[in-house]
Amino acid sequence: MSRLAEVWDGGNARLSASDIADARGLSRAMVAKLLVSLSQVRLVVGSPGPGGGYTLCRAR
């Protein structure tokens, strides 16, 4: 979540699990699992496909 917060611009910037893992020096598989868990509790939002990725969720 800290990497997503660094690039936060109102929800338009999206990062893939690979981007986050590479930036933090972590395992891509571990980051992917963490993002799935975070999306289940609505802390991040994921979008599939080209141009997709994860961004921080925001209360509406």
N, C-alpha and C. Protein backbone atom coordinates (compact mmCIF):
# COMPACT_ATOMS: atom_id res chain seq x y z
N MET A 1 0.82 -1.19 0.00
CA MET A 1 0.00 0.00 0.00
C MET A 1 0.87 1.26 0.00
N SER A 2 2.05 1.17 0.58
CA SER A 2 2.90 2.35 0.61
C SER A 2 3.32 2.77 -0.79
N ARG A 3 3.59 1.81 -1.66
CA ARG A 3 3.97 2.15 -3.04
C ARG A 3 2.80 2.77 -3.78
N LEU A 4 1.60 2.25 -3.56
CA LEU A 4 0.41 2.84 -4.19
C LEU A 4 0.18 4.25 -3.68
N ALA A 5 0.45 4.49 -2.40
CA ALA A 5 0.29 5.83 -1.84
C ALA A 5 1.29 6.81 -2.45
N GLU A 6 2.49 6.33 -2.76
CA GLU A 6 3.51 7.20 -3.35
C GLU A 6 3.10 7.73 -4.72
N VAL A 7 2.35 6.95 -5.47
CA VAL A 7 1.96 7.37 -6.82
C VAL A 7 0.51 7.84 -6.89
N TRP A 8 -0.16 7.93 -5.75
CA TRP A 8 -1.58 8.31 -5.70
C TRP A 8 -1.79 9.66 -6.38
N ASP A 9 -2.77 9.70 -7.27
CA ASP A 9 -3.12 10.95 -7.94
C ASP A 9 -4.63 11.05 -8.10
N GLY A 10 -5.33 10.58 -7.11
CA GLY A 10 -6.78 10.61 -7.18
C GLY A 10 -7.37 9.33 -7.74
N GLY A 11 -6.57 8.33 -7.96
CA GLY A 11 -7.07 7.05 -8.44
C GLY A 11 -6.79 6.75 -9.89
N ASN A 12 -6.10 7.64 -10.59
CA ASN A 12 -5.83 7.41 -12.02
C ASN A 12 -4.58 6.58 -12.26
N ALA A 13 -3.58 6.69 -11.38
CA ALA A 13 -2.35 5.91 -11.55
C ALA A 13 -2.57 4.49 -11.04
N ARG A 14 -2.25 3.52 -11.87
CA ARG A 14 -2.40 2.12 -11.49
C ARG A 14 -1.06 1.43 -11.64
N LEU A 15 -0.78 0.54 -10.69
CA LEU A 15 0.45 -0.23 -10.72
C LEU A 15 0.12 -1.71 -10.73
N SER A 16 0.89 -2.47 -11.46
CA SER A 16 0.71 -3.92 -11.45
C SER A 16 1.42 -4.51 -10.23
N ALA A 17 1.10 -5.74 -9.91
CA ALA A 17 1.78 -6.43 -8.82
C ALA A 17 3.28 -6.50 -9.12
N SER A 18 3.63 -6.71 -10.38
CA SER A 18 5.05 -6.77 -10.77
C SER A 18 5.75 -5.44 -10.54
N ASP A 19 5.08 -4.34 -10.87
CA ASP A 19 5.67 -3.01 -10.65
C ASP A 19 5.95 -2.78 -9.17
N ILE A 20 4.99 -3.15 -8.34
CA ILE A 20 5.15 -2.95 -6.90
C ILE A 20 6.26 -3.85 -6.35
N ALA A 21 6.26 -5.12 -6.77
CA ALA A 21 7.28 -6.07 -6.31
C ALA A 21 8.67 -5.61 -6.70
N ASP A 22 8.83 -5.18 -7.93
CA ASP A 22 10.14 -4.72 -8.40
C ASP A 22 10.60 -3.48 -7.64
N ALA A 23 9.69 -2.57 -7.38
CA ALA A 23 10.04 -1.33 -6.68
C ALA A 23 10.46 -1.58 -5.24
N ARG A 24 9.90 -2.63 -4.63
CA ARG A 24 10.19 -2.92 -3.23
C ARG A 24 11.15 -4.09 -3.03
N GLY A 25 11.53 -4.76 -4.11
CA GLY A 25 12.43 -5.90 -4.00
C GLY A 25 11.78 -7.10 -3.35
N LEU A 26 10.50 -7.29 -3.64
CA LEU A 26 9.74 -8.40 -3.06
C LEU A 26 9.37 -9.42 -4.12
N SER A 27 8.94 -10.57 -3.67
CA SER A 27 8.48 -11.63 -4.56
C SER A 27 7.18 -11.20 -5.24
N ARG A 28 7.11 -11.40 -6.54
CA ARG A 28 5.90 -11.03 -7.29
C ARG A 28 4.69 -11.84 -6.82
N ALA A 29 4.90 -13.12 -6.52
CA ALA A 29 3.79 -13.97 -6.05
C ALA A 29 3.26 -13.48 -4.71
N MET A 30 4.14 -13.08 -3.81
CA MET A 30 3.71 -12.60 -2.50
C MET A 30 2.92 -11.29 -2.64
N VAL A 31 3.41 -10.39 -3.47
CA VAL A 31 2.72 -9.11 -3.66
C VAL A 31 1.34 -9.35 -4.29
N ALA A 32 1.25 -10.26 -5.25
CA ALA A 32 -0.03 -10.56 -5.87
C ALA A 32 -1.03 -11.09 -4.85
N LYS A 33 -0.58 -11.96 -3.96
CA LYS A 33 -1.46 -12.50 -2.91
C LYS A 33 -1.89 -11.41 -1.94
N LEU A 34 -0.97 -10.54 -1.58
CA LEU A 34 -1.32 -9.43 -0.68
C LEU A 34 -2.34 -8.50 -1.32
N LEU A 35 -2.18 -8.21 -2.60
CA LEU A 35 -3.12 -7.33 -3.29
C LEU A 35 -4.51 -7.93 -3.37
N VAL A 36 -4.59 -9.24 -3.56
CA VAL A 36 -5.89 -9.91 -3.57
C VAL A 36 -6.56 -9.75 -2.20
N SER A 37 -5.80 -9.97 -1.14
CA SER A 37 -6.36 -9.82 0.21
C SER A 37 -6.79 -8.38 0.48
N LEU A 38 -5.98 -7.43 0.06
CA LEU A 38 -6.32 -6.02 0.26
C LEU A 38 -7.55 -5.61 -0.55
N SER A 39 -7.71 -6.20 -1.72
CA SER A 39 -8.89 -5.87 -2.53
C SER A 39 -10.16 -6.48 -1.93
N GLN A 40 -10.03 -7.62 -1.26
CA GLN A 40 -11.20 -8.25 -0.64
C GLN A 40 -11.74 -7.43 0.51
N VAL A 41 -10.88 -6.69 1.19
CA VAL A 41 -11.34 -5.82 2.28
C VAL A 41 -11.47 -4.37 1.82
N ARG A 42 -11.42 -4.17 0.51
CA ARG A 42 -11.66 -2.89 -0.15
C ARG A 42 -10.71 -1.77 0.24
N LEU A 43 -9.42 -2.14 0.40
CA LEU A 43 -8.40 -1.13 0.62
C LEU A 43 -7.74 -0.73 -0.69
N VAL A 44 -7.76 -1.65 -1.67
CA VAL A 44 -7.27 -1.36 -3.01
C VAL A 44 -8.31 -1.84 -4.01
N VAL A 45 -8.23 -1.29 -5.22
CA VAL A 45 -9.13 -1.68 -6.30
C VAL A 45 -8.27 -2.15 -7.46
N GLY A 46 -8.61 -3.30 -8.02
CA GLY A 46 -7.86 -3.83 -9.14
C GLY A 46 -8.66 -3.76 -10.43
N SER A 47 -7.97 -3.50 -11.52
CA SER A 47 -8.59 -3.48 -12.85
C SER A 47 -7.78 -4.37 -13.77
N PRO A 48 -8.43 -5.32 -14.44
CA PRO A 48 -7.71 -6.24 -15.32
C PRO A 48 -7.40 -5.61 -16.68
N GLY A 49 -6.53 -6.27 -17.41
CA GLY A 49 -6.26 -5.90 -18.79
C GLY A 49 -5.21 -4.85 -18.98
N PRO A 50 -4.96 -4.50 -20.25
CA PRO A 50 -3.98 -3.46 -20.55
C PRO A 50 -4.39 -2.13 -19.92
N GLY A 51 -3.47 -1.47 -19.30
CA GLY A 51 -3.78 -0.23 -18.61
C GLY A 51 -4.38 -0.45 -17.24
N GLY A 52 -4.55 -1.71 -16.87
CA GLY A 52 -5.12 -2.04 -15.56
C GLY A 52 -4.05 -2.04 -14.49
N GLY A 53 -4.41 -2.50 -13.35
CA GLY A 53 -3.51 -2.56 -12.22
C GLY A 53 -4.26 -2.25 -10.95
N TYR A 54 -3.54 -1.88 -9.94
CA TYR A 54 -4.14 -1.60 -8.63
C TYR A 54 -3.95 -0.14 -8.26
N THR A 55 -4.93 0.37 -7.54
CA THR A 55 -4.87 1.71 -6.98
C THR A 55 -5.52 1.67 -5.62
N LEU A 56 -5.26 2.68 -4.81
CA LEU A 56 -5.89 2.74 -3.49
C LEU A 56 -7.38 2.98 -3.65
N CYS A 57 -8.13 2.37 -2.76
CA CYS A 57 -9.58 2.58 -2.75
C CYS A 57 -9.85 3.80 -1.89
N ARG A 58 -10.95 4.44 -2.16
CA ARG A 58 -11.30 5.62 -1.39
C ARG A 58 -12.78 5.56 -1.05
N ALA A 59 -13.11 5.89 0.20
CA ALA A 59 -14.51 5.90 0.62
C ALA A 59 -15.29 6.90 -0.22
N ARG A 60 -16.50 6.51 -0.56
CA ARG A 60 -17.32 7.38 -1.40
C ARG A 60 -18.44 8.00 -0.64
